[in-house]
Amino acid sequence: MSNIRQMYKTDSNIINGLLNRAFGPGRFARSVYRLREKSGYHPEFSYVYELKGKIVASISYSVTSINNEIQGLLLGPLAVEPQYKGKGYGVALVEKSIKAIIADSNYDFILVVGDYDYYERFGFKKTKEPFNFYGPVNKSKVLTLDINQKLEVSNYTIMEFK
């Protein structure tokens, strides 16, 4: 039996506590929260990892687009209880959710603002093209997973994440 299940609305208080412990209150100042507040979470691809009935990790996605043409999802937050980091629970959530998104085939890319060394194993690449983001962001941490190779063949002068 899998320890991963779909996130329920009733999990929100538990997940908010998890996010506070994993990222602290400063997380609300990050640019990605602007998108999350605007579009909310995509419940179909939001999961939790449970151990003995306790949520120890969670992953969520928000709908985004590039130049209002290419549809994608913003990964995050991915959070793991600090005492459970390094045990593979976050990796399992990322792998399961990416498989579900690819199988759904309604999205062309996944965007994440994160550490390349962590997300490279899932196929994410650094965004090389010039882009505008939702707000200030460390450009070296903006990574994309090109699901349908639409980013590869795009001829944008600048990519506008919306």
N, C-alpha and C. Protein backbone atom coordinates (compact mmCIF):
# COMPACT_ATOMS: atom_id res chain seq x y z
N MET A 1 0.84 -1.19 0.00
CA MET A 1 0.00 0.00 0.00
C MET A 1 0.88 1.25 0.00
N SER A 2 0.52 2.20 -0.81
CA SER A 2 1.31 3.41 -0.95
C SER A 2 1.08 4.36 0.22
N ASN A 3 2.11 5.08 0.55
CA ASN A 3 1.99 6.10 1.59
C ASN A 3 1.59 7.45 1.00
N ILE A 4 1.44 7.51 -0.32
CA ILE A 4 1.09 8.76 -0.99
C ILE A 4 -0.40 8.74 -1.30
N ARG A 5 -1.04 9.84 -0.99
CA ARG A 5 -2.45 10.00 -1.32
C ARG A 5 -2.72 11.42 -1.78
N GLN A 6 -3.86 11.60 -2.41
CA GLN A 6 -4.30 12.93 -2.83
C GLN A 6 -4.48 13.81 -1.59
N MET A 7 -4.18 15.07 -1.74
CA MET A 7 -4.36 16.03 -0.66
C MET A 7 -5.86 16.33 -0.52
N TYR A 8 -6.35 16.36 0.72
CA TYR A 8 -7.73 16.72 0.99
C TYR A 8 -7.80 18.17 1.46
N LYS A 9 -8.94 18.80 1.25
CA LYS A 9 -9.13 20.17 1.76
C LYS A 9 -8.96 20.21 3.27
N THR A 10 -9.36 19.13 3.94
CA THR A 10 -9.26 19.09 5.40
C THR A 10 -7.81 18.99 5.88
N ASP A 11 -6.87 18.79 4.97
CA ASP A 11 -5.44 18.74 5.33
C ASP A 11 -4.81 20.12 5.46
N SER A 12 -5.53 21.16 5.09
CA SER A 12 -4.91 22.49 4.95
C SER A 12 -4.23 22.98 6.23
N ASN A 13 -4.83 22.82 7.39
CA ASN A 13 -4.18 23.29 8.63
C ASN A 13 -2.90 22.51 8.92
N ILE A 14 -2.94 21.21 8.70
CA ILE A 14 -1.75 20.38 8.93
C ILE A 14 -0.65 20.79 7.95
N ILE A 15 -1.01 21.00 6.70
CA ILE A 15 -0.01 21.37 5.69
C ILE A 15 0.54 22.76 5.95
N ASN A 16 -0.29 23.69 6.39
CA ASN A 16 0.23 25.02 6.74
C ASN A 16 1.25 24.93 7.87
N GLY A 17 1.00 24.08 8.84
CA GLY A 17 1.98 23.87 9.91
C GLY A 17 3.27 23.28 9.37
N LEU A 18 3.14 22.31 8.48
CA LEU A 18 4.31 21.70 7.83
C LEU A 18 5.11 22.76 7.07
N LEU A 19 4.42 23.61 6.31
CA LEU A 19 5.10 24.66 5.55
C LEU A 19 5.81 25.64 6.47
N ASN A 20 5.18 25.98 7.59
CA ASN A 20 5.82 26.89 8.56
C ASN A 20 7.10 26.27 9.10
N ARG A 21 7.05 24.99 9.43
CA ARG A 21 8.25 24.33 9.97
C ARG A 21 9.33 24.17 8.90
N ALA A 22 8.92 23.91 7.67
CA ALA A 22 9.90 23.68 6.60
C ALA A 22 10.51 24.97 6.07
N PHE A 23 9.70 26.04 5.95
CA PHE A 23 10.17 27.27 5.29
C PHE A 23 10.14 28.52 6.16
N GLY A 24 9.41 28.50 7.25
CA GLY A 24 9.29 29.67 8.10
C GLY A 24 8.32 30.68 7.52
N PRO A 25 8.01 31.70 8.29
CA PRO A 25 7.02 32.69 7.85
C PRO A 25 7.48 33.53 6.67
N GLY A 26 8.78 33.56 6.37
CA GLY A 26 9.29 34.34 5.25
C GLY A 26 8.87 33.82 3.89
N ARG A 27 8.26 32.64 3.86
CA ARG A 27 7.85 32.07 2.57
C ARG A 27 6.83 32.93 1.86
N PHE A 28 6.03 33.69 2.59
CA PHE A 28 5.00 34.51 1.98
C PHE A 28 5.57 35.68 1.18
N ALA A 29 6.82 36.02 1.41
CA ALA A 29 7.45 37.12 0.69
C ALA A 29 7.98 36.68 -0.67
N ARG A 30 8.02 35.39 -0.93
CA ARG A 30 8.56 34.89 -2.19
C ARG A 30 7.58 35.14 -3.34
N SER A 31 8.15 35.40 -4.50
CA SER A 31 7.35 35.72 -5.69
C SER A 31 6.38 34.61 -6.08
N VAL A 32 6.78 33.36 -5.89
CA VAL A 32 5.90 32.26 -6.29
C VAL A 32 4.59 32.28 -5.52
N TYR A 33 4.59 32.85 -4.33
CA TYR A 33 3.34 32.92 -3.56
C TYR A 33 2.34 33.86 -4.22
N ARG A 34 2.82 34.81 -5.01
CA ARG A 34 1.90 35.70 -5.75
C ARG A 34 1.04 34.89 -6.71
N LEU A 35 1.67 33.97 -7.42
CA LEU A 35 0.91 33.12 -8.34
C LEU A 35 -0.01 32.20 -7.56
N ARG A 36 0.49 31.59 -6.51
CA ARG A 36 -0.32 30.65 -5.74
C ARG A 36 -1.56 31.33 -5.16
N GLU A 37 -1.39 32.57 -4.72
CA GLU A 37 -2.55 33.30 -4.19
C GLU A 37 -3.55 33.61 -5.29
N LYS A 38 -3.05 33.88 -6.49
CA LYS A 38 -3.90 34.24 -7.61
C LYS A 38 -4.65 33.03 -8.18
N SER A 39 -3.94 31.94 -8.41
CA SER A 39 -4.58 30.82 -9.08
C SER A 39 -4.93 29.66 -8.16
N GLY A 40 -4.44 29.66 -6.94
CA GLY A 40 -4.74 28.57 -6.03
C GLY A 40 -4.02 27.29 -6.43
N TYR A 41 -4.31 26.24 -5.71
CA TYR A 41 -3.66 24.96 -5.98
C TYR A 41 -4.50 24.12 -6.91
N HIS A 42 -3.82 23.33 -7.71
CA HIS A 42 -4.48 22.38 -8.61
C HIS A 42 -4.65 21.09 -7.82
N PRO A 43 -5.85 20.79 -7.34
CA PRO A 43 -6.02 19.65 -6.42
C PRO A 43 -5.70 18.29 -7.01
N GLU A 44 -5.84 18.15 -8.32
CA GLU A 44 -5.62 16.84 -8.94
C GLU A 44 -4.17 16.36 -8.79
N PHE A 45 -3.22 17.29 -8.72
CA PHE A 45 -1.82 16.92 -8.66
C PHE A 45 -1.17 17.26 -7.32
N SER A 46 -1.97 17.52 -6.32
CA SER A 46 -1.45 17.84 -5.00
C SER A 46 -1.57 16.60 -4.11
N TYR A 47 -0.44 16.21 -3.53
CA TYR A 47 -0.37 14.96 -2.76
C TYR A 47 0.28 15.18 -1.40
N VAL A 48 0.06 14.21 -0.53
CA VAL A 48 0.76 14.17 0.75
C VAL A 48 1.39 12.79 0.91
N TYR A 49 2.44 12.75 1.71
CA TYR A 49 3.09 11.50 2.07
C TYR A 49 2.79 11.27 3.54
N GLU A 50 2.21 10.12 3.85
CA GLU A 50 1.84 9.80 5.23
C GLU A 50 2.67 8.64 5.78
N LEU A 51 3.02 8.76 7.03
CA LEU A 51 3.64 7.67 7.79
C LEU A 51 2.79 7.45 9.03
N LYS A 52 2.26 6.27 9.16
CA LYS A 52 1.43 5.92 10.33
C LYS A 52 0.33 6.95 10.55
N GLY A 53 -0.29 7.39 9.46
CA GLY A 53 -1.40 8.33 9.54
C GLY A 53 -1.02 9.79 9.75
N LYS A 54 0.28 10.08 9.77
CA LYS A 54 0.76 11.46 9.97
C LYS A 54 1.35 11.98 8.67
N ILE A 55 0.95 13.19 8.26
CA ILE A 55 1.50 13.81 7.06
C ILE A 55 2.92 14.28 7.35
N VAL A 56 3.88 13.77 6.57
CA VAL A 56 5.28 14.16 6.77
C VAL A 56 5.84 14.93 5.58
N ALA A 57 5.08 14.97 4.47
CA ALA A 57 5.52 15.72 3.30
C ALA A 57 4.32 16.05 2.43
N SER A 58 4.45 17.12 1.65
CA SER A 58 3.36 17.50 0.75
C SER A 58 3.93 18.16 -0.50
N ILE A 59 3.14 18.09 -1.57
CA ILE A 59 3.49 18.75 -2.83
C ILE A 59 2.22 19.32 -3.42
N SER A 60 2.34 20.51 -3.98
CA SER A 60 1.20 21.17 -4.61
C SER A 60 1.64 21.79 -5.93
N TYR A 61 0.66 22.07 -6.76
CA TYR A 61 0.90 22.72 -8.06
C TYR A 61 -0.13 23.82 -8.26
N SER A 62 0.27 24.85 -9.00
CA SER A 62 -0.62 25.94 -9.42
C SER A 62 -0.53 26.07 -10.94
N VAL A 63 -1.63 26.44 -11.55
CA VAL A 63 -1.67 26.61 -13.00
C VAL A 63 -0.92 27.89 -13.38
N THR A 64 -0.14 27.81 -14.45
CA THR A 64 0.59 28.97 -14.97
C THR A 64 0.63 28.86 -16.49
N SER A 65 1.21 29.85 -17.12
CA SER A 65 1.37 29.81 -18.58
C SER A 65 2.56 30.66 -18.98
N ILE A 66 2.99 30.47 -20.22
CA ILE A 66 4.02 31.31 -20.79
C ILE A 66 3.38 32.06 -21.95
N ASN A 67 3.45 33.37 -21.88
CA ASN A 67 2.90 34.26 -22.91
C ASN A 67 1.44 33.93 -23.24
N ASN A 68 0.71 33.44 -22.25
CA ASN A 68 -0.69 33.06 -22.42
C ASN A 68 -0.90 32.05 -23.54
N GLU A 69 0.13 31.32 -23.92
CA GLU A 69 0.03 30.36 -25.02
C GLU A 69 0.34 28.94 -24.60
N ILE A 70 1.38 28.76 -23.84
CA ILE A 70 1.81 27.43 -23.43
C ILE A 70 1.36 27.22 -21.98
N GLN A 71 0.56 26.18 -21.77
CA GLN A 71 0.00 25.94 -20.44
C GLN A 71 0.91 25.03 -19.62
N GLY A 72 1.07 25.40 -18.36
CA GLY A 72 1.92 24.61 -17.48
C GLY A 72 1.47 24.65 -16.04
N LEU A 73 2.28 24.06 -15.20
CA LEU A 73 2.03 24.02 -13.77
C LEU A 73 3.28 24.47 -13.03
N LEU A 74 3.07 25.22 -11.97
CA LEU A 74 4.16 25.61 -11.07
C LEU A 74 4.21 24.60 -9.93
N LEU A 75 5.32 23.91 -9.80
CA LEU A 75 5.52 22.95 -8.72
C LEU A 75 5.85 23.71 -7.45
N GLY A 76 5.12 23.41 -6.41
CA GLY A 76 5.47 23.98 -5.13
C GLY A 76 4.29 24.55 -4.38
N PRO A 77 4.43 24.54 -3.12
CA PRO A 77 5.63 24.10 -2.43
C PRO A 77 5.72 22.58 -2.29
N LEU A 78 6.95 22.12 -2.30
CA LEU A 78 7.29 20.76 -1.91
C LEU A 78 7.91 20.91 -0.53
N ALA A 79 7.30 20.27 0.45
CA ALA A 79 7.79 20.42 1.82
C ALA A 79 7.87 19.07 2.51
N VAL A 80 8.91 18.91 3.31
CA VAL A 80 9.11 17.70 4.10
C VAL A 80 9.39 18.14 5.54
N GLU A 81 8.74 17.46 6.49
CA GLU A 81 9.03 17.76 7.90
C GLU A 81 10.54 17.67 8.10
N PRO A 82 11.12 18.66 8.79
CA PRO A 82 12.58 18.70 8.93
C PRO A 82 13.21 17.39 9.42
N GLN A 83 12.57 16.69 10.35
CA GLN A 83 13.16 15.45 10.87
C GLN A 83 13.08 14.28 9.88
N TYR A 84 12.34 14.44 8.77
CA TYR A 84 12.21 13.38 7.77
C TYR A 84 12.94 13.70 6.46
N LYS A 85 13.65 14.80 6.41
CA LYS A 85 14.39 15.16 5.18
C LYS A 85 15.46 14.11 4.89
N GLY A 86 15.69 13.91 3.58
CA GLY A 86 16.72 12.98 3.16
C GLY A 86 16.29 11.52 3.14
N LYS A 87 15.03 11.24 3.37
CA LYS A 87 14.54 9.85 3.39
C LYS A 87 13.81 9.46 2.11
N GLY A 88 13.74 10.39 1.14
CA GLY A 88 13.13 10.07 -0.14
C GLY A 88 11.66 10.38 -0.28
N TYR A 89 11.05 10.97 0.74
CA TYR A 89 9.61 11.25 0.68
C TYR A 89 9.30 12.36 -0.32
N GLY A 90 10.13 13.38 -0.37
CA GLY A 90 9.95 14.44 -1.36
C GLY A 90 10.17 13.92 -2.77
N VAL A 91 11.18 13.11 -2.95
CA VAL A 91 11.45 12.52 -4.27
C VAL A 91 10.25 11.70 -4.73
N ALA A 92 9.70 10.90 -3.85
CA ALA A 92 8.53 10.07 -4.20
C ALA A 92 7.34 10.94 -4.62
N LEU A 93 7.13 12.06 -3.93
CA LEU A 93 6.02 12.96 -4.29
C LEU A 93 6.25 13.59 -5.66
N VAL A 94 7.48 14.04 -5.92
CA VAL A 94 7.78 14.66 -7.21
C VAL A 94 7.59 13.64 -8.33
N GLU A 95 8.12 12.45 -8.15
CA GLU A 95 8.00 11.42 -9.19
C GLU A 95 6.55 11.07 -9.48
N LYS A 96 5.76 10.84 -8.43
CA LYS A 96 4.35 10.48 -8.62
C LYS A 96 3.58 11.60 -9.31
N SER A 97 3.80 12.84 -8.88
CA SER A 97 3.05 13.95 -9.46
C SER A 97 3.45 14.20 -10.91
N ILE A 98 4.72 14.11 -11.23
CA ILE A 98 5.15 14.31 -12.62
C ILE A 98 4.53 13.24 -13.53
N LYS A 99 4.54 11.99 -13.08
CA LYS A 99 3.91 10.92 -13.87
C LYS A 99 2.44 11.22 -14.11
N ALA A 100 1.74 11.69 -13.09
CA ALA A 100 0.31 12.00 -13.23
C ALA A 100 0.09 13.16 -14.20
N ILE A 101 0.94 14.17 -14.14
CA ILE A 101 0.82 15.34 -15.03
C ILE A 101 1.08 14.93 -16.47
N ILE A 102 2.10 14.13 -16.70
CA ILE A 102 2.39 13.67 -18.06
C ILE A 102 1.25 12.81 -18.59
N ALA A 103 0.71 11.93 -17.77
CA ALA A 103 -0.41 11.07 -18.18
C ALA A 103 -1.65 11.89 -18.50
N ASP A 104 -1.85 12.99 -17.78
CA ASP A 104 -2.99 13.87 -18.00
C ASP A 104 -2.92 14.54 -19.37
N SER A 105 -1.74 14.88 -19.81
CA SER A 105 -1.41 15.48 -21.11
C SER A 105 -2.09 16.81 -21.41
N ASN A 106 -2.54 17.53 -20.40
CA ASN A 106 -3.13 18.85 -20.61
C ASN A 106 -2.14 19.99 -20.39
N TYR A 107 -0.92 19.65 -19.99
CA TYR A 107 0.07 20.68 -19.68
C TYR A 107 1.35 20.43 -20.46
N ASP A 108 2.00 21.53 -20.86
CA ASP A 108 3.19 21.45 -21.70
C ASP A 108 4.50 21.54 -20.93
N PHE A 109 4.44 22.07 -19.72
CA PHE A 109 5.66 22.21 -18.95
C PHE A 109 5.34 22.27 -17.46
N ILE A 110 6.38 22.03 -16.67
CA ILE A 110 6.32 22.23 -15.23
C ILE A 110 7.43 23.21 -14.89
N LEU A 111 7.10 24.18 -14.09
CA LEU A 111 8.03 25.21 -13.64
C LEU A 111 8.28 25.03 -12.16
N VAL A 112 9.51 25.21 -11.73
CA VAL A 112 9.82 25.20 -10.30
C VAL A 112 10.89 26.24 -10.04
N VAL A 113 10.81 26.88 -8.89
CA VAL A 113 11.88 27.74 -8.42
C VAL A 113 12.56 26.95 -7.31
N GLY A 114 13.71 26.39 -7.64
CA GLY A 114 14.37 25.51 -6.69
C GLY A 114 15.82 25.27 -7.03
N ASP A 115 16.42 24.36 -6.31
CA ASP A 115 17.83 24.05 -6.49
C ASP A 115 18.01 23.07 -7.64
N TYR A 116 18.82 23.46 -8.60
CA TYR A 116 19.07 22.64 -9.78
C TYR A 116 19.60 21.26 -9.39
N ASP A 117 20.49 21.22 -8.42
CA ASP A 117 21.09 19.94 -8.01
C ASP A 117 20.02 18.94 -7.55
N TYR A 118 18.93 19.42 -7.00
CA TYR A 118 17.85 18.53 -6.56
C TYR A 118 16.93 18.16 -7.72
N TYR A 119 16.51 19.13 -8.52
CA TYR A 119 15.48 18.91 -9.53
C TYR A 119 16.01 18.36 -10.86
N GLU A 120 17.30 18.40 -11.07
CA GLU A 120 17.87 17.88 -12.32
C GLU A 120 17.52 16.41 -12.52
N ARG A 121 17.50 15.62 -11.46
CA ARG A 121 17.23 14.18 -11.57
C ARG A 121 15.85 13.87 -12.15
N PHE A 122 14.93 14.86 -12.10
CA PHE A 122 13.59 14.68 -12.64
C PHE A 122 13.46 15.21 -14.06
N GLY A 123 14.56 15.75 -14.60
CA GLY A 123 14.55 16.27 -15.97
C GLY A 123 14.43 17.77 -16.08
N PHE A 124 14.43 18.50 -14.97
CA PHE A 124 14.33 19.95 -15.02
C PHE A 124 15.64 20.54 -15.53
N LYS A 125 15.50 21.64 -16.28
CA LYS A 125 16.66 22.34 -16.82
C LYS A 125 16.57 23.81 -16.44
N LYS A 126 17.72 24.45 -16.39
CA LYS A 126 17.74 25.89 -16.12
C LYS A 126 17.12 26.61 -17.31
N THR A 127 16.37 27.65 -17.02
CA THR A 127 15.72 28.44 -18.06
C THR A 127 16.75 29.39 -18.65
N LYS A 128 17.07 29.17 -19.92
CA LYS A 128 18.11 29.95 -20.59
C LYS A 128 17.56 31.20 -21.27
N GLU A 129 16.32 31.11 -21.76
CA GLU A 129 15.73 32.24 -22.47
C GLU A 129 15.42 33.37 -21.48
N PRO A 130 15.46 34.61 -21.96
CA PRO A 130 15.08 35.72 -21.09
C PRO A 130 13.61 35.57 -20.68
N PHE A 131 13.30 35.94 -19.44
CA PHE A 131 11.92 35.79 -18.97
C PHE A 131 11.59 36.86 -17.95
N ASN A 132 10.30 37.08 -17.80
CA ASN A 132 9.76 37.91 -16.73
C ASN A 132 8.98 36.99 -15.82
N PHE A 133 9.18 37.18 -14.52
CA PHE A 133 8.53 36.33 -13.54
C PHE A 133 7.46 37.14 -12.80
N TYR A 134 6.81 36.51 -11.85
CA TYR A 134 5.73 37.13 -11.09
C TYR A 134 6.23 38.23 -10.16
N GLY A 135 7.50 38.29 -9.97
CA GLY A 135 8.14 39.25 -9.08
C GLY A 135 9.61 38.92 -9.02
N PRO A 136 10.32 39.49 -8.08
CA PRO A 136 11.76 39.23 -7.98
C PRO A 136 12.03 37.74 -7.74
N VAL A 137 13.04 37.23 -8.41
CA VAL A 137 13.38 35.81 -8.28
C VAL A 137 14.85 35.62 -8.62
N ASN A 138 15.46 34.65 -8.00
CA ASN A 138 16.82 34.26 -8.35
C ASN A 138 16.74 33.51 -9.67
N LYS A 139 17.17 34.13 -10.75
CA LYS A 139 16.99 33.57 -12.10
C LYS A 139 17.67 32.22 -12.27
N SER A 140 18.71 31.94 -11.52
CA SER A 140 19.39 30.65 -11.65
C SER A 140 18.58 29.52 -11.04
N LYS A 141 17.54 29.85 -10.29
CA LYS A 141 16.70 28.82 -9.65
C LYS A 141 15.39 28.57 -10.41
N VAL A 142 15.16 29.28 -11.50
CA VAL A 142 13.95 29.07 -12.30
C VAL A 142 14.23 27.93 -13.27
N LEU A 143 13.55 26.80 -13.04
CA LEU A 143 13.80 25.57 -13.78
C LEU A 143 12.52 25.11 -14.46
N THR A 144 12.66 24.49 -15.62
CA THR A 144 11.49 23.99 -16.33
C THR A 144 11.70 22.54 -16.76
N LEU A 145 10.59 21.83 -16.80
CA LEU A 145 10.54 20.49 -17.35
C LEU A 145 9.63 20.59 -18.56
N ASP A 146 10.22 20.45 -19.73
CA ASP A 146 9.51 20.62 -21.00
C ASP A 146 8.83 19.28 -21.36
N ILE A 147 7.56 19.16 -21.08
CA ILE A 147 6.84 17.90 -21.26
C ILE A 147 6.62 17.57 -22.73
N ASN A 148 6.18 18.54 -23.52
CA ASN A 148 5.82 18.30 -24.92
C ASN A 148 6.77 18.97 -25.90
N GLN A 149 7.93 19.38 -25.44
CA GLN A 149 8.95 20.04 -26.25
C GLN A 149 8.46 21.33 -26.91
N LYS A 150 7.44 21.95 -26.35
CA LYS A 150 6.98 23.23 -26.88
C LYS A 150 7.92 24.37 -26.49
N LEU A 151 8.57 24.25 -25.35
CA LEU A 151 9.53 25.29 -24.96
C LEU A 151 10.75 25.22 -25.86
N GLU A 152 11.14 24.02 -26.22
CA GLU A 152 12.31 23.80 -27.05
C GLU A 152 12.18 24.48 -28.42
N VAL A 153 10.99 24.46 -28.98
CA VAL A 153 10.78 24.99 -30.33
C VAL A 153 10.20 26.40 -30.35
N SER A 154 9.97 26.97 -29.17
CA SER A 154 9.39 28.32 -29.13
C SER A 154 10.41 29.35 -29.58
N ASN A 155 9.92 30.41 -30.19
CA ASN A 155 10.79 31.49 -30.67
C ASN A 155 10.51 32.79 -29.93
N TYR A 156 10.30 32.70 -28.64
CA TYR A 156 9.97 33.90 -27.86
C TYR A 156 11.19 34.79 -27.69
N THR A 157 10.99 36.08 -27.84
CA THR A 157 12.02 37.03 -27.51
C THR A 157 12.20 37.07 -26.00
N ILE A 158 11.07 37.00 -25.31
CA ILE A 158 11.06 36.93 -23.85
C ILE A 158 9.88 36.08 -23.43
N MET A 159 10.09 35.28 -22.40
CA MET A 159 9.01 34.45 -21.87
C MET A 159 8.37 35.18 -20.71
N GLU A 160 7.06 35.31 -20.75
CA GLU A 160 6.30 35.96 -19.68
C GLU A 160 5.54 34.88 -18.92
N PHE A 161 5.98 34.59 -17.71
CA PHE A 161 5.25 33.64 -16.87
C PHE A 161 4.05 34.37 -16.27
N LYS A 162 2.87 33.79 -16.44
CA LYS A 162 1.64 34.43 -15.95
C LYS A 162 0.82 33.47 -15.16
